[in-house]
Amino acid sequence: MLSSLGHEIVAEVGTGRDAVVLAQAASPDVVLLDVHMPDGSGIDAAKEIAAMLPATAVLLFTGDHTLRLSDQDVVETAAISILAKPTPKKTLDSALRLAVAKAQALNAARRDADRARQELEERKVIERAKGVLQRRTKCTEAEAYRIMQRSSQDRSVPMVHVAREVLKSEPGFGA
């Protein structure tokens, strides 16, 4: 059914353990898991896959209409959706497309956050190095910045590398 909707199936498995192993090997866009699997819980497999492959969306299915999940279980699975079986073809197609879109958006947000964290760390290094240069050369903050900027440009290296070198040369800051 998924192939007829335009989705590529990279693997079919019967157990949660196999799902984890094959997900790690294939890094699919989406993993579909039944809540109840022969070797245990699809929820446990979903948690493991989500921890291992944060870029992979997880969809859970259940035919158990009495199933009760804690909020923590749902959050830890990182499941985009939990669908009741049987799932109509159009609903499944929409859920898959939504899962991929949501996973891509979450991954873009993670990359942006990582980039922002990195930039903040680099700014902190530059600020500390400016302070060191100010103390050493009795210059202003702007002059210390320009010293590092010129060195960075002359050597064609990022300014944060120059700043790290300044800090390494300073007792108490060295690596």
Protein backbone atom coordinates (compact mmCIF):
# COMPACT_ATOMS: atom_id res chain seq x y z
CA MET A 1 0.00 0.00 0.00
CA LEU A 2 2.81 2.48 0.84
CA SER A 3 4.52 1.94 -2.52
CA SER A 4 1.27 2.72 -4.33
CA LEU A 5 1.19 6.06 -2.48
CA GLY A 6 4.65 6.94 -3.78
CA HIS A 7 6.64 6.02 -0.68
CA GLU A 8 9.79 3.91 -0.86
CA ILE A 9 9.98 1.03 1.60
CA VAL A 10 13.59 0.39 2.63
CA ALA A 11 12.87 -2.51 4.98
CA GLU A 12 10.13 -4.51 6.62
CA VAL A 13 10.74 -6.14 9.99
CA GLY A 14 8.81 -8.20 12.47
CA THR A 15 10.41 -7.18 15.75
CA GLY A 16 11.34 -4.02 17.58
CA ARG A 17 14.97 -5.15 17.81
CA ASP A 18 15.13 -5.63 14.03
CA ALA A 19 13.52 -2.21 13.55
CA VAL A 20 16.22 -0.57 15.67
CA VAL A 21 19.05 -2.39 13.88
CA LEU A 22 17.72 -1.67 10.38
CA ALA A 23 16.83 1.93 11.19
CA GLN A 24 20.39 2.50 12.33
CA ALA A 25 21.72 0.92 9.12
CA ALA A 26 19.32 2.66 6.70
CA SER A 27 18.66 6.04 8.42
CA PRO A 28 15.15 6.28 6.93
CA ASP A 29 13.04 9.43 6.83
CA VAL A 30 10.21 7.67 8.70
CA VAL A 31 9.89 4.51 10.79
CA LEU A 32 6.46 2.90 11.21
CA LEU A 33 6.07 0.75 14.32
CA ASP A 34 3.25 -1.14 15.95
CA VAL A 35 2.91 -0.38 19.65
CA HIS A 36 2.74 -4.14 20.36
CA MET A 37 5.49 -6.14 18.68
CA PRO A 38 6.45 -9.83 19.02
CA ASP A 39 9.59 -9.13 21.05
CA GLY A 40 8.12 -6.41 23.24
CA SER A 41 7.05 -2.85 22.91
CA GLY A 42 7.22 -0.78 19.76
CA ILE A 43 7.32 2.15 22.15
CA ASP A 44 10.70 0.98 23.47
CA ALA A 45 11.97 0.58 19.90
CA ALA A 46 10.64 4.06 19.05
CA LYS A 47 12.47 5.55 22.05
CA GLU A 48 15.70 3.87 21.01
CA ILE A 49 15.37 4.95 17.38
CA ALA A 50 14.52 8.53 18.38
CA ALA A 51 17.59 8.71 20.64
CA MET A 52 19.84 7.18 18.00
CA LEU A 53 18.42 8.94 14.90
CA PRO A 54 16.89 12.29 15.82
CA ALA A 55 16.41 13.08 12.11
CA THR A 56 14.07 10.10 11.65
CA ALA A 57 10.35 10.59 12.17
CA VAL A 58 8.47 7.88 14.05
CA LEU A 59 4.84 6.89 13.48
CA LEU A 60 3.24 4.45 15.90
CA PHE A 61 0.21 2.28 15.18
CA THR A 62 -2.04 0.42 17.55
CA GLY A 63 -5.07 -1.78 17.28
CA ASP A 64 -5.36 -1.70 21.08
CA HIS A 65 -8.15 0.77 21.75
CA THR A 66 -7.62 0.39 25.51
CA LEU A 67 -3.99 1.52 25.27
CA ARG A 68 -3.05 4.22 27.77
CA LEU A 69 0.29 5.94 27.43
CA SER A 70 1.77 8.39 29.87
CA ASP A 71 2.69 11.82 28.56
CA GLN A 72 6.32 10.93 29.25
CA ASP A 73 6.08 7.76 27.13
CA VAL A 74 4.65 9.74 24.23
CA VAL A 75 7.33 12.44 24.50
CA GLU A 76 10.19 9.93 24.78
CA THR A 77 9.08 8.08 21.65
CA ALA A 78 9.34 11.33 19.70
CA ALA A 79 6.42 9.94 17.69
CA ILE A 80 4.94 12.43 15.28
CA SER A 81 1.66 10.57 15.50
CA ILE A 82 0.01 7.54 17.05
CA LEU A 83 -2.57 6.12 14.65
CA ALA A 84 -5.36 3.62 15.24
CA LYS A 85 -5.44 0.46 13.12
CA PRO A 86 -6.78 -0.05 10.60
CA THR A 87 -5.65 3.29 9.19
CA PRO A 88 -7.36 4.52 6.02
CA LYS A 89 -5.02 4.87 3.03
CA LYS A 90 -5.43 8.66 2.73
CA THR A 91 -4.91 9.15 6.45
CA LEU A 92 -1.73 7.08 6.35
CA ASP A 93 -0.41 8.98 3.33
CA SER A 94 -1.12 12.33 5.01
CA ALA A 95 0.46 11.17 8.27
CA LEU A 96 3.61 10.03 6.45
CA ARG A 97 3.97 13.28 4.55
CA LEU A 98 3.32 15.30 7.70
CA ALA A 99 5.83 13.20 9.65
CA VAL A 100 8.54 13.82 7.07
CA ALA A 101 7.78 17.56 6.98
CA LYS A 102 7.76 17.82 10.79
CA ALA A 103 10.99 15.84 11.08
CA GLN A 104 12.67 18.10 8.52
CA ALA A 105 11.46 21.22 10.35
CA LEU A 106 12.68 19.86 13.69
CA ASN A 107 16.05 18.99 12.20
CA ALA A 108 16.40 22.45 10.68
CA ALA A 109 15.60 23.95 14.09
CA ARG A 110 18.20 21.66 15.73
CA ARG A 111 20.83 22.71 13.20
CA ASP A 112 19.97 26.38 13.75
CA ALA A 113 20.21 25.94 17.52
CA ASP A 114 23.54 24.12 17.20
CA ARG A 115 24.88 26.86 14.93
CA ALA A 116 23.69 29.57 17.35
CA ARG A 117 25.32 27.72 20.28
CA GLN A 118 28.58 27.47 18.33
CA GLU A 119 28.49 31.16 17.40
CA LEU A 120 27.84 32.12 21.01
CA GLU A 121 30.79 30.02 22.20
CA GLU A 122 33.01 31.63 19.58
CA ARG A 123 31.88 35.11 20.64
CA LYS A 124 32.73 34.26 24.26
CA VAL A 125 36.23 33.15 23.22
CA ILE A 126 36.72 36.38 21.25
CA GLU A 127 35.47 38.48 24.18
CA ARG A 128 37.88 36.76 26.60
CA ALA A 129 40.76 37.23 24.16
CA LYS A 130 39.89 40.92 23.76
CA GLY A 131 40.13 41.27 27.53
CA VAL A 132 43.55 39.60 27.54
CA LEU A 133 44.81 41.90 24.76
CA GLN A 134 43.42 44.95 26.55
CA ARG A 135 45.31 44.05 29.73
CA ARG A 136 48.53 43.22 27.85
CA THR A 137 48.64 46.18 25.50
CA LYS A 138 46.65 48.74 27.50
CA CYS A 139 44.43 49.29 24.46
CA THR A 140 40.70 49.86 24.17
CA GLU A 141 38.20 47.11 23.47
CA ALA A 142 37.78 48.33 19.89
CA GLU A 143 41.56 48.35 19.36
CA ALA A 144 41.88 44.81 20.75
CA TYR A 145 39.16 43.69 18.37
CA ARG A 146 40.93 45.34 15.42
CA ILE A 147 44.24 43.68 16.37
CA MET A 148 42.62 40.24 16.24
CA GLN A 149 40.68 41.14 13.11
CA ARG A 150 43.84 42.22 11.26
CA SER A 151 45.69 39.10 12.36
CA SER A 152 42.78 36.97 11.20
CA GLN A 153 42.71 38.67 7.80
CA ASP A 154 46.50 38.64 7.33
CA ARG A 155 46.67 34.92 8.08
CA SER A 156 43.36 33.99 6.38
CA VAL A 157 42.08 32.20 9.47
CA PRO A 158 38.83 32.68 11.38
CA MET A 159 39.01 35.27 14.12
CA VAL A 160 38.10 32.68 16.73
CA HIS A 161 41.38 30.83 15.92
CA VAL A 162 43.35 34.01 16.61
CA ALA A 163 41.39 34.48 19.83
CA ARG A 164 42.16 30.92 20.94
CA GLU A 165 45.86 31.50 20.29
CA VAL A 166 45.74 34.64 22.42
CA LEU A 167 44.08 32.69 25.23
CA LYS A 168 46.57 29.79 24.95
CA SER A 169 49.43 32.23 25.42
CA GLU A 170 47.89 33.65 28.58
CA PRO A 171 48.67 31.94 31.90
CA GLY A 172 45.50 30.46 33.32
CA PHE A 173 43.74 30.37 29.94
CA GLY A 174 46.07 28.00 28.06
CA ALA A 175 44.87 24.63 26.87
